[in-house]
N, C-alpha and C. Protein backbone atom coordinates (compact mmCIF):
# COMPACT_ATOMS: atom_id res chain seq x y z
N MET A 1 -68.95 -79.49 50.78
CA MET A 1 -69.61 -78.50 49.93
C MET A 1 -68.62 -77.43 49.48
N MET A 2 -68.57 -77.22 48.23
CA MET A 2 -67.62 -76.23 47.65
C MET A 2 -68.29 -74.92 47.54
N LEU A 3 -67.60 -73.92 48.03
CA LEU A 3 -68.08 -72.49 47.88
C LEU A 3 -67.88 -71.94 46.55
N MET A 4 -68.90 -71.27 46.04
CA MET A 4 -68.73 -70.49 44.79
C MET A 4 -68.25 -69.08 45.11
N LEU A 5 -67.10 -68.74 44.68
CA LEU A 5 -66.56 -67.43 44.91
C LEU A 5 -66.83 -66.53 43.72
N ARG A 6 -67.13 -65.22 44.07
CA ARG A 6 -67.31 -64.27 42.96
C ARG A 6 -66.29 -63.18 43.26
N SER A 7 -65.76 -62.72 42.12
CA SER A 7 -64.67 -61.65 42.15
C SER A 7 -65.25 -60.41 41.48
N PHE A 8 -65.03 -59.23 42.20
CA PHE A 8 -65.44 -58.01 41.64
C PHE A 8 -64.27 -57.03 41.69
N ILE A 9 -64.20 -56.08 40.73
CA ILE A 9 -63.28 -55.00 40.81
C ILE A 9 -64.09 -53.70 41.14
N GLY A 10 -63.71 -53.13 42.36
CA GLY A 10 -64.43 -52.00 42.83
C GLY A 10 -63.50 -50.76 42.90
N TYR A 11 -64.03 -49.53 42.64
CA TYR A 11 -63.23 -48.41 42.75
C TYR A 11 -63.85 -47.48 43.88
N HIS A 12 -62.93 -46.95 44.77
CA HIS A 12 -63.35 -46.14 45.87
C HIS A 12 -62.67 -44.80 45.70
N GLY A 13 -63.45 -43.77 45.61
CA GLY A 13 -62.95 -42.37 45.57
C GLY A 13 -62.85 -41.76 46.92
N THR A 14 -61.75 -41.01 47.22
CA THR A 14 -61.55 -40.49 48.57
C THR A 14 -60.49 -39.40 48.41
N SER A 15 -60.10 -38.88 49.54
CA SER A 15 -58.99 -37.82 49.58
C SER A 15 -57.64 -38.53 49.73
N SER A 16 -56.66 -37.77 49.32
CA SER A 16 -55.29 -38.38 49.44
C SER A 16 -54.87 -38.74 50.86
N ALA A 17 -55.28 -37.95 51.78
CA ALA A 17 -55.10 -38.23 53.20
C ALA A 17 -55.75 -39.52 53.68
N CYS A 18 -57.06 -39.64 53.25
CA CYS A 18 -57.86 -40.78 53.71
C CYS A 18 -57.22 -42.07 52.95
N LYS A 19 -56.78 -41.89 51.74
CA LYS A 19 -56.14 -43.03 51.00
C LYS A 19 -54.98 -43.58 51.69
N GLU A 20 -54.13 -42.70 52.20
CA GLU A 20 -52.92 -43.11 52.98
C GLU A 20 -53.34 -43.93 54.23
N LYS A 21 -54.41 -43.44 54.95
CA LYS A 21 -54.88 -44.19 56.16
C LYS A 21 -55.45 -45.57 55.76
N ILE A 22 -56.22 -45.58 54.68
CA ILE A 22 -56.81 -46.86 54.22
C ILE A 22 -55.76 -47.85 53.85
N CYS A 23 -54.76 -47.33 53.09
CA CYS A 23 -53.71 -48.23 52.63
C CYS A 23 -52.90 -48.79 53.80
N LYS A 24 -52.80 -47.97 54.88
CA LYS A 24 -52.00 -48.35 56.04
C LYS A 24 -52.78 -49.36 56.96
N TYR A 25 -54.05 -48.95 57.21
CA TYR A 25 -54.86 -49.62 58.26
C TYR A 25 -56.03 -50.50 57.65
N GLY A 26 -56.33 -50.31 56.41
CA GLY A 26 -57.49 -50.94 55.86
C GLY A 26 -58.69 -50.04 56.03
N PHE A 27 -59.82 -50.42 55.48
CA PHE A 27 -61.08 -49.64 55.52
C PHE A 27 -61.60 -49.84 56.97
N ASN A 28 -62.09 -48.81 57.48
CA ASN A 28 -62.82 -48.74 58.82
C ASN A 28 -64.27 -49.01 58.58
N ILE A 29 -64.69 -50.28 58.72
CA ILE A 29 -66.09 -50.66 58.44
C ILE A 29 -66.81 -50.76 59.74
N LYS A 30 -67.72 -49.89 59.92
CA LYS A 30 -68.53 -49.93 61.22
C LYS A 30 -69.84 -50.73 61.02
N LYS A 31 -70.26 -51.32 62.05
CA LYS A 31 -71.46 -52.15 62.07
C LYS A 31 -72.63 -51.28 62.49
N TYR A 32 -73.74 -51.37 61.91
CA TYR A 32 -74.90 -50.58 62.31
C TYR A 32 -75.55 -51.39 63.52
N THR A 33 -75.75 -50.75 64.61
CA THR A 33 -76.18 -51.46 65.83
C THR A 33 -77.58 -51.26 66.36
N PHE A 34 -78.36 -50.36 65.75
CA PHE A 34 -79.71 -50.06 66.13
C PHE A 34 -79.73 -49.56 67.53
N ASN A 35 -78.80 -48.73 67.90
CA ASN A 35 -78.71 -48.27 69.26
C ASN A 35 -79.88 -47.40 69.64
N LYS A 36 -80.63 -47.93 70.61
CA LYS A 36 -81.90 -47.31 71.00
C LYS A 36 -81.64 -46.02 71.85
N ALA A 37 -80.51 -45.93 72.47
CA ALA A 37 -80.24 -44.81 73.37
C ALA A 37 -79.92 -43.43 72.59
N SER A 38 -79.35 -43.59 71.46
CA SER A 38 -79.03 -42.41 70.63
C SER A 38 -79.15 -42.78 69.17
N LEU A 39 -79.30 -41.80 68.41
CA LEU A 39 -79.35 -41.96 67.00
C LEU A 39 -77.97 -42.13 66.37
N GLU A 40 -77.75 -43.21 65.70
CA GLU A 40 -76.57 -43.33 64.98
C GLU A 40 -76.64 -42.60 63.63
N GLN A 41 -75.51 -42.29 63.02
CA GLN A 41 -75.53 -41.65 61.74
C GLN A 41 -76.24 -42.58 60.74
N VAL A 42 -77.03 -42.05 59.88
CA VAL A 42 -77.82 -42.81 58.92
C VAL A 42 -76.74 -43.41 57.92
N PRO A 43 -76.87 -44.69 57.79
CA PRO A 43 -75.87 -45.29 56.82
C PRO A 43 -76.26 -44.92 55.33
N GLY A 44 -75.42 -45.19 54.45
CA GLY A 44 -75.67 -45.07 53.03
C GLY A 44 -76.79 -45.96 52.56
N ASP A 45 -77.20 -45.79 51.31
CA ASP A 45 -78.41 -46.52 50.82
C ASP A 45 -78.33 -48.01 50.89
N LEU A 46 -77.09 -48.58 50.87
CA LEU A 46 -76.89 -49.97 50.93
C LEU A 46 -76.44 -50.39 52.37
N GLY A 47 -76.57 -49.58 53.30
CA GLY A 47 -76.30 -49.91 54.71
C GLY A 47 -74.84 -49.50 55.05
N ALA A 48 -74.46 -49.92 56.20
CA ALA A 48 -73.11 -49.53 56.72
C ALA A 48 -72.08 -50.40 56.08
N GLY A 49 -70.93 -49.80 55.71
CA GLY A 49 -69.89 -50.45 55.07
C GLY A 49 -69.03 -49.54 54.17
N ALA A 50 -68.04 -50.09 53.51
CA ALA A 50 -67.17 -49.35 52.65
C ALA A 50 -67.75 -49.48 51.18
N TYR A 51 -67.94 -48.35 50.54
CA TYR A 51 -68.58 -48.28 49.22
C TYR A 51 -67.64 -48.20 48.08
N PHE A 52 -68.07 -48.88 46.96
CA PHE A 52 -67.25 -48.97 45.79
C PHE A 52 -68.13 -48.89 44.61
N TYR A 53 -67.68 -48.42 43.50
CA TYR A 53 -68.35 -48.46 42.17
C TYR A 53 -67.83 -49.71 41.45
N LEU A 54 -68.74 -50.57 41.06
CA LEU A 54 -68.22 -51.73 40.30
C LEU A 54 -67.75 -51.30 38.90
N ASP A 55 -66.47 -51.71 38.65
CA ASP A 55 -65.81 -51.43 37.32
C ASP A 55 -65.86 -50.01 36.83
N SER A 56 -66.04 -49.02 37.67
CA SER A 56 -66.15 -47.64 37.16
C SER A 56 -65.26 -46.67 37.94
N ILE A 57 -64.07 -46.41 37.44
CA ILE A 57 -63.18 -45.56 38.08
C ILE A 57 -63.77 -44.09 37.89
N GLU A 58 -64.50 -43.89 36.84
CA GLU A 58 -65.08 -42.52 36.53
C GLU A 58 -66.12 -42.22 37.54
N ASN A 59 -66.99 -43.21 37.98
CA ASN A 59 -68.02 -42.89 38.99
C ASN A 59 -67.34 -42.63 40.35
N ALA A 60 -66.32 -43.34 40.64
CA ALA A 60 -65.56 -43.14 41.93
C ALA A 60 -64.97 -41.76 41.93
N ARG A 61 -64.42 -41.29 40.82
CA ARG A 61 -63.88 -39.92 40.75
C ARG A 61 -64.98 -38.88 40.91
N LYS A 62 -66.13 -39.12 40.19
CA LYS A 62 -67.21 -38.16 40.23
C LYS A 62 -67.79 -38.02 41.69
N PHE A 63 -67.88 -39.21 42.34
CA PHE A 63 -68.41 -39.23 43.70
C PHE A 63 -67.50 -38.39 44.61
N ALA A 64 -66.16 -38.66 44.50
CA ALA A 64 -65.18 -37.92 45.35
C ALA A 64 -65.16 -36.47 45.01
N GLU A 65 -65.42 -36.09 43.82
CA GLU A 65 -65.37 -34.70 43.34
C GLU A 65 -66.56 -33.90 44.08
N LYS A 66 -67.62 -34.58 44.45
CA LYS A 66 -68.70 -33.89 45.20
C LYS A 66 -68.18 -33.21 46.56
N GLN A 67 -67.14 -33.73 47.13
CA GLN A 67 -66.71 -33.19 48.44
C GLN A 67 -65.21 -32.81 48.53
N ILE A 68 -64.47 -33.24 47.49
CA ILE A 68 -63.03 -33.04 47.55
C ILE A 68 -62.57 -32.26 46.34
N LYS A 69 -61.56 -31.35 46.54
CA LYS A 69 -60.97 -30.59 45.44
C LYS A 69 -60.30 -31.61 44.50
N GLU A 70 -60.45 -31.41 43.17
CA GLU A 70 -59.91 -32.33 42.17
C GLU A 70 -58.46 -32.69 42.40
N GLU A 71 -57.62 -31.66 42.78
CA GLU A 71 -56.20 -32.04 42.96
C GLU A 71 -55.94 -32.92 44.14
N ASP A 72 -56.93 -33.11 45.03
CA ASP A 72 -56.75 -33.93 46.23
C ASP A 72 -57.46 -35.28 46.14
N ILE A 73 -58.07 -35.55 45.02
CA ILE A 73 -58.82 -36.82 44.80
C ILE A 73 -57.85 -37.94 44.65
N ALA A 74 -58.16 -39.08 45.33
CA ALA A 74 -57.36 -40.37 45.16
C ALA A 74 -58.36 -41.46 44.93
N ILE A 75 -57.94 -42.40 44.09
CA ILE A 75 -58.83 -43.55 43.76
C ILE A 75 -58.11 -44.80 44.17
N LEU A 76 -58.83 -45.75 44.78
CA LEU A 76 -58.37 -47.03 45.14
C LEU A 76 -59.11 -48.06 44.35
N LYS A 77 -58.30 -48.89 43.65
CA LYS A 77 -58.84 -50.05 42.91
C LYS A 77 -58.68 -51.32 43.74
N CYS A 78 -59.83 -51.98 44.00
CA CYS A 78 -59.74 -53.13 44.93
C CYS A 78 -60.39 -54.37 44.25
N GLU A 79 -59.67 -55.51 44.51
CA GLU A 79 -60.30 -56.73 44.13
C GLU A 79 -61.07 -57.28 45.37
N ILE A 80 -62.30 -57.58 45.14
CA ILE A 80 -63.19 -58.00 46.21
C ILE A 80 -63.68 -59.47 45.84
N VAL A 81 -63.31 -60.40 46.71
CA VAL A 81 -63.69 -61.77 46.51
C VAL A 81 -64.58 -62.26 47.68
N VAL A 82 -65.81 -62.75 47.29
CA VAL A 82 -66.74 -63.08 48.26
C VAL A 82 -67.47 -64.36 47.82
N ALA A 83 -67.86 -65.27 48.86
CA ALA A 83 -68.68 -66.36 48.54
C ALA A 83 -70.08 -65.96 48.03
N GLU A 84 -70.55 -66.54 47.07
CA GLU A 84 -71.90 -66.20 46.54
C GLU A 84 -73.00 -66.13 47.54
N GLU A 85 -72.89 -67.05 48.50
CA GLU A 85 -73.92 -67.15 49.60
C GLU A 85 -73.93 -65.96 50.56
N ASN A 86 -72.88 -65.14 50.50
CA ASN A 86 -72.69 -63.98 51.32
C ASN A 86 -72.93 -62.65 50.62
N ILE A 87 -73.51 -62.76 49.36
CA ILE A 87 -73.81 -61.57 48.60
C ILE A 87 -75.31 -61.36 48.67
N LEU A 88 -75.67 -60.06 48.96
CA LEU A 88 -77.11 -59.71 48.96
C LEU A 88 -77.31 -58.80 47.71
N ASP A 89 -77.82 -59.31 46.67
CA ASP A 89 -78.02 -58.62 45.45
C ASP A 89 -79.38 -57.97 45.47
N MET A 90 -79.52 -56.66 45.67
CA MET A 90 -80.76 -56.02 45.85
C MET A 90 -81.40 -55.82 44.46
N ASP A 91 -80.85 -56.17 43.36
CA ASP A 91 -81.48 -56.13 42.06
C ASP A 91 -82.34 -57.36 41.81
N GLU A 92 -82.13 -58.38 42.64
CA GLU A 92 -82.90 -59.60 42.48
C GLU A 92 -84.30 -59.35 42.97
N GLU A 93 -85.30 -59.75 42.17
CA GLU A 93 -86.69 -59.51 42.49
C GLU A 93 -87.09 -59.88 43.93
N GLY A 94 -86.82 -60.99 44.30
CA GLY A 94 -87.23 -61.43 45.68
C GLY A 94 -86.70 -60.61 46.77
N ASN A 95 -85.50 -60.06 46.66
CA ASN A 95 -84.78 -59.25 47.70
C ASN A 95 -85.50 -57.93 47.70
N ALA A 96 -85.85 -57.36 46.52
CA ALA A 96 -86.54 -56.06 46.41
C ALA A 96 -87.91 -56.20 47.07
N GLU A 97 -88.61 -57.28 46.84
CA GLU A 97 -89.90 -57.49 47.46
C GLU A 97 -89.94 -57.52 48.98
N ILE A 98 -88.90 -58.23 49.47
CA ILE A 98 -88.76 -58.34 50.92
C ILE A 98 -88.50 -56.92 51.52
N PHE A 99 -87.53 -56.16 50.81
CA PHE A 99 -87.25 -54.83 51.27
C PHE A 99 -88.53 -54.00 51.33
N ASN A 100 -89.25 -53.99 50.32
CA ASN A 100 -90.49 -53.20 50.15
C ASN A 100 -91.55 -53.63 51.28
N GLU A 101 -91.65 -54.84 51.51
CA GLU A 101 -92.56 -55.39 52.54
C GLU A 101 -92.11 -54.87 53.89
N LEU A 102 -90.86 -54.91 54.22
CA LEU A 102 -90.29 -54.43 55.43
C LEU A 102 -90.52 -52.91 55.54
N ARG A 103 -90.17 -52.25 54.59
CA ARG A 103 -90.30 -50.73 54.57
C ARG A 103 -91.73 -50.25 54.76
N ASN A 104 -92.72 -51.01 54.22
CA ASN A 104 -94.04 -50.55 54.29
C ASN A 104 -94.80 -51.03 55.54
N ASN A 105 -94.33 -52.13 56.14
CA ASN A 105 -95.16 -52.78 57.25
C ASN A 105 -94.51 -53.05 58.57
N ASP A 106 -93.27 -52.68 58.71
CA ASP A 106 -92.51 -53.00 59.97
C ASP A 106 -92.73 -51.84 60.97
N LYS A 107 -93.48 -52.16 62.02
CA LYS A 107 -93.77 -51.11 63.04
C LYS A 107 -92.55 -50.50 63.75
N GLU A 108 -91.56 -51.35 64.15
CA GLU A 108 -90.31 -50.86 64.77
C GLU A 108 -89.54 -49.97 63.85
N LEU A 109 -89.51 -50.30 62.58
CA LEU A 109 -88.83 -49.52 61.54
C LEU A 109 -89.49 -48.10 61.37
N LYS A 110 -90.81 -48.13 61.45
CA LYS A 110 -91.53 -46.84 61.29
C LYS A 110 -91.27 -45.97 62.49
N ALA A 111 -91.15 -46.51 63.73
CA ALA A 111 -90.81 -45.77 64.89
C ALA A 111 -89.38 -45.20 64.79
N LEU A 112 -88.53 -46.00 64.32
CA LEU A 112 -87.13 -45.51 64.11
C LEU A 112 -87.12 -44.41 63.08
N ALA A 113 -87.86 -44.55 61.97
CA ALA A 113 -87.91 -43.57 60.94
C ALA A 113 -88.39 -42.20 61.57
N ARG A 114 -89.34 -42.30 62.41
CA ARG A 114 -89.90 -41.03 63.11
C ARG A 114 -88.80 -40.37 63.91
N ARG A 115 -87.99 -41.18 64.55
CA ARG A 115 -86.95 -40.60 65.38
C ARG A 115 -85.86 -39.86 64.54
N TYR A 116 -85.51 -40.57 63.37
CA TYR A 116 -84.54 -39.91 62.49
C TYR A 116 -85.11 -38.65 61.91
N LYS A 117 -86.43 -38.63 61.52
CA LYS A 117 -86.93 -37.39 60.89
C LYS A 117 -87.02 -36.32 61.83
N SER A 118 -87.22 -36.55 63.13
CA SER A 118 -87.29 -35.48 64.13
C SER A 118 -85.93 -35.01 64.56
N ASN A 119 -84.89 -35.89 64.43
CA ASN A 119 -83.59 -35.49 64.82
C ASN A 119 -82.59 -36.13 63.83
N ILE A 120 -82.36 -35.43 62.73
CA ILE A 120 -81.65 -35.99 61.61
C ILE A 120 -80.28 -36.59 62.08
N GLY A 121 -80.01 -37.84 61.71
CA GLY A 121 -78.74 -38.48 62.12
C GLY A 121 -77.74 -38.73 60.99
N GLY A 122 -78.00 -38.07 59.93
CA GLY A 122 -77.14 -38.26 58.75
C GLY A 122 -76.90 -36.99 57.90
N LYS A 123 -75.75 -36.85 57.38
CA LYS A 123 -75.39 -35.70 56.54
C LYS A 123 -76.20 -35.75 55.25
N GLY A 124 -77.22 -34.92 55.09
CA GLY A 124 -77.91 -34.82 53.83
C GLY A 124 -78.63 -36.08 53.42
N ARG A 125 -78.86 -37.03 54.34
CA ARG A 125 -79.59 -38.26 53.96
C ARG A 125 -81.03 -37.88 53.79
N HIS A 126 -81.55 -38.23 52.65
CA HIS A 126 -83.02 -37.90 52.40
C HIS A 126 -83.87 -39.15 52.38
N ASN A 127 -83.31 -40.31 52.69
CA ASN A 127 -84.02 -41.54 52.81
C ASN A 127 -83.35 -42.42 53.81
N LEU A 128 -84.09 -43.40 54.26
CA LEU A 128 -83.67 -44.40 55.19
C LEU A 128 -83.47 -45.76 54.65
N ASP A 129 -83.17 -45.84 53.33
CA ASP A 129 -82.98 -47.15 52.72
C ASP A 129 -81.80 -48.01 53.39
N GLY A 130 -80.79 -47.30 53.81
CA GLY A 130 -79.67 -48.01 54.48
C GLY A 130 -80.15 -48.64 55.89
N VAL A 131 -81.00 -47.92 56.55
CA VAL A 131 -81.53 -48.39 57.79
C VAL A 131 -82.43 -49.59 57.60
N ILE A 132 -83.28 -49.44 56.56
CA ILE A 132 -84.13 -50.53 56.20
C ILE A 132 -83.41 -51.79 55.81
N LEU A 133 -82.30 -51.60 54.97
CA LEU A 133 -81.46 -52.66 54.59
C LEU A 133 -80.81 -53.35 55.76
N GLU A 134 -80.34 -52.58 56.72
CA GLU A 134 -79.65 -53.13 57.89
C GLU A 134 -80.71 -53.88 58.70
N SER A 135 -81.99 -53.35 58.79
CA SER A 135 -83.03 -54.04 59.49
C SER A 135 -83.38 -55.31 58.83
N LEU A 136 -83.35 -55.46 57.55
CA LEU A 136 -83.65 -56.69 56.85
C LEU A 136 -82.58 -57.68 57.17
N ILE A 137 -81.33 -57.29 57.14
CA ILE A 137 -80.14 -58.18 57.36
C ILE A 137 -80.33 -58.71 58.83
N HIS A 138 -80.69 -57.81 59.78
CA HIS A 138 -80.74 -58.13 61.17
C HIS A 138 -81.97 -59.05 61.41
N LYS A 139 -83.09 -58.70 60.89
CA LYS A 139 -84.38 -59.44 61.09
C LYS A 139 -84.30 -60.82 60.63
N TYR A 140 -83.63 -61.04 59.43
CA TYR A 140 -83.58 -62.34 58.92
C TYR A 140 -82.24 -63.06 59.21
N ASN A 141 -81.46 -62.42 60.03
CA ASN A 141 -80.16 -63.02 60.53
C ASN A 141 -79.30 -63.50 59.34
N LEU A 142 -79.12 -62.62 58.40
CA LEU A 142 -78.40 -62.91 57.23
C LEU A 142 -76.83 -62.64 57.44
N ASP A 143 -76.00 -63.54 56.85
CA ASP A 143 -74.57 -63.40 56.94
C ASP A 143 -74.11 -62.69 55.70
N VAL A 144 -74.23 -61.37 55.57
CA VAL A 144 -74.02 -60.58 54.41
C VAL A 144 -72.55 -59.97 54.51
N HIS A 145 -71.80 -60.22 53.54
CA HIS A 145 -70.42 -59.65 53.45
C HIS A 145 -70.38 -58.52 52.44
N LEU A 146 -71.37 -58.63 51.40
CA LEU A 146 -71.38 -57.66 50.29
C LEU A 146 -72.79 -57.45 49.89
N VAL A 147 -73.22 -56.13 49.76
CA VAL A 147 -74.42 -55.74 49.13
C VAL A 147 -74.23 -55.13 47.76
N LYS A 148 -74.98 -55.52 46.74
CA LYS A 148 -74.77 -55.06 45.43
C LYS A 148 -76.05 -54.51 44.85
N LYS A 149 -76.00 -53.40 44.23
CA LYS A 149 -77.23 -52.85 43.59
C LYS A 149 -76.95 -51.74 42.55
N LYS A 150 -77.66 -51.76 41.45
CA LYS A 150 -77.61 -50.70 40.46
C LYS A 150 -78.23 -49.47 41.14
N THR A 151 -77.53 -48.34 41.06
CA THR A 151 -78.02 -47.20 41.69
C THR A 151 -77.94 -45.87 40.87
N TYR A 152 -78.51 -44.88 41.36
CA TYR A 152 -78.33 -43.58 40.68
C TYR A 152 -77.65 -42.63 41.68
N THR A 153 -76.56 -42.05 41.30
CA THR A 153 -75.88 -41.05 42.15
C THR A 153 -75.94 -39.71 41.44
N PRO A 154 -76.43 -38.69 42.12
CA PRO A 154 -76.47 -37.35 41.52
C PRO A 154 -75.08 -36.63 41.58
N PHE A 155 -74.33 -36.95 40.57
CA PHE A 155 -72.97 -36.31 40.46
C PHE A 155 -73.23 -34.79 40.04
N LYS A 156 -72.16 -34.01 40.18
CA LYS A 156 -72.22 -32.59 39.86
C LYS A 156 -72.77 -32.48 38.42
N GLY A 157 -73.70 -31.52 38.24
CA GLY A 157 -74.25 -31.32 36.89
C GLY A 157 -75.38 -32.22 36.50
N LEU A 158 -75.69 -33.18 37.35
CA LEU A 158 -76.89 -34.14 37.11
C LEU A 158 -78.02 -33.76 37.94
N PRO A 159 -79.28 -34.17 37.49
CA PRO A 159 -80.40 -33.95 38.33
C PRO A 159 -80.25 -34.64 39.66
N ARG A 160 -80.96 -34.10 40.69
CA ARG A 160 -80.91 -34.75 42.05
C ARG A 160 -81.55 -36.09 41.95
N ASN A 161 -82.60 -36.27 41.27
CA ASN A 161 -83.30 -37.59 41.17
C ASN A 161 -83.44 -38.08 39.81
N SER A 162 -83.50 -39.37 39.65
CA SER A 162 -83.74 -40.00 38.38
C SER A 162 -84.25 -41.43 38.59
N ASN A 163 -84.94 -41.95 37.74
CA ASN A 163 -85.44 -43.33 37.79
C ASN A 163 -84.48 -44.25 37.10
N TYR A 164 -83.42 -43.76 36.52
CA TYR A 164 -82.41 -44.65 35.81
C TYR A 164 -81.16 -44.65 36.43
N PHE A 165 -80.57 -45.82 36.65
CA PHE A 165 -79.28 -45.93 37.34
C PHE A 165 -78.19 -45.46 36.39
N ASN A 166 -77.05 -45.09 37.11
CA ASN A 166 -75.89 -44.63 36.36
C ASN A 166 -74.61 -45.39 36.86
N GLY A 167 -74.82 -46.46 37.61
CA GLY A 167 -73.71 -47.30 38.10
C GLY A 167 -74.22 -48.42 38.94
N THR A 168 -73.29 -49.24 39.28
CA THR A 168 -73.56 -50.35 40.27
C THR A 168 -72.68 -50.08 41.41
N GLU A 169 -73.24 -50.04 42.63
CA GLU A 169 -72.53 -49.93 43.84
C GLU A 169 -72.37 -51.22 44.60
N LEU A 170 -71.24 -51.28 45.26
CA LEU A 170 -70.96 -52.46 46.16
C LEU A 170 -70.72 -51.89 47.56
N CYS A 171 -71.34 -52.46 48.52
CA CYS A 171 -71.10 -52.05 49.87
C CYS A 171 -70.49 -53.28 50.64
N VAL A 172 -69.20 -53.14 50.95
CA VAL A 172 -68.45 -54.19 51.58
C VAL A 172 -68.66 -54.10 53.14
N LYS A 173 -69.19 -55.17 53.68
CA LYS A 173 -69.49 -55.19 55.16
C LYS A 173 -68.42 -55.94 55.94
N LYS A 174 -67.60 -56.73 55.30
CA LYS A 174 -66.48 -57.47 55.97
C LYS A 174 -65.20 -57.15 55.26
N LYS A 175 -64.28 -56.46 55.90
CA LYS A 175 -63.10 -56.00 55.13
C LYS A 175 -62.16 -57.11 54.72
N ASP A 176 -62.28 -58.33 55.25
CA ASP A 176 -61.38 -59.40 54.77
C ASP A 176 -61.77 -59.89 53.43
N ILE A 177 -62.82 -59.42 52.74
CA ILE A 177 -63.11 -59.88 51.49
C ILE A 177 -62.41 -58.92 50.40
N ILE A 178 -61.79 -57.89 50.83
CA ILE A 178 -60.95 -56.96 50.00
C ILE A 178 -59.60 -57.63 49.96
N LYS A 179 -59.34 -58.28 48.76
CA LYS A 179 -58.14 -59.03 48.59
C LYS A 179 -56.89 -58.24 48.15
N THR A 180 -57.08 -57.24 47.32
CA THR A 180 -56.02 -56.44 46.84
C THR A 180 -56.52 -54.98 46.84
N MET A 181 -55.53 -54.03 46.97
CA MET A 181 -55.90 -52.61 46.96
C MET A 181 -54.71 -51.92 46.40
N VAL A 182 -54.91 -51.17 45.39
CA VAL A 182 -53.86 -50.34 44.73
C VAL A 182 -54.41 -48.92 44.45
N SER A 183 -53.57 -47.95 44.56
CA SER A 183 -53.85 -46.61 44.17
C SER A 183 -53.73 -46.51 42.72
N VAL A 184 -54.70 -45.81 42.02
CA VAL A 184 -54.62 -45.68 40.66
C VAL A 184 -54.73 -44.21 40.28
N ASP A 185 -54.12 -43.83 39.18
CA ASP A 185 -54.08 -42.45 38.68
C ASP A 185 -55.24 -42.33 37.75
N TYR A 186 -56.39 -41.86 38.18
CA TYR A 186 -57.62 -41.85 37.46
C TYR A 186 -57.46 -40.93 36.16
N LYS A 187 -56.53 -39.99 36.07
CA LYS A 187 -56.31 -39.20 34.89
C LYS A 187 -55.76 -40.04 33.81
N LYS A 188 -54.99 -41.04 34.15
CA LYS A 188 -54.41 -41.93 33.10
C LYS A 188 -55.34 -43.03 32.80
N GLU A 189 -56.18 -43.45 33.68
CA GLU A 189 -57.06 -44.66 33.50
C GLU A 189 -58.28 -44.26 32.67
N VAL A 190 -58.81 -43.01 32.80
CA VAL A 190 -60.06 -42.71 32.15
C VAL A 190 -59.90 -42.47 30.64
């Protein structure tokens, strides 16, 4: 059986110091473990992993700008190659339906949500979508290397919430699918 591979170009915004560490050691991708003894940090909306904007250096810069001074922003351009069977595309209708079913009806997840709300485990996280997504992957024993979804990110100067996406995010869960990584000068690229 021949694997169908998909290739994506993702941009990751970070600080210059973090860029140096990433270039030297690779991305530090932690696995979400559902540790019952203590609350882990709430993962991003697409779960635990390294986050990229698909084909958008501008969104990577705007995201980094939320926490980093402009003169210290660094952008990494990465080629991500992954087998089609290892992509969880949350824009596909069936996946969204499973997500909503789990979010609305899973008793263990509701108990976990109560624990997080009483003792916040994430910096400014206002939802538990990432925990729900990790639960979906765990519950159905999925071999997910990449999660993909159109999302809305509240960049500086934009409203906190919107029903319309302003980018597509990629969450890499296995760092070996990142095939190339180069630092880019976003001031020249934009």
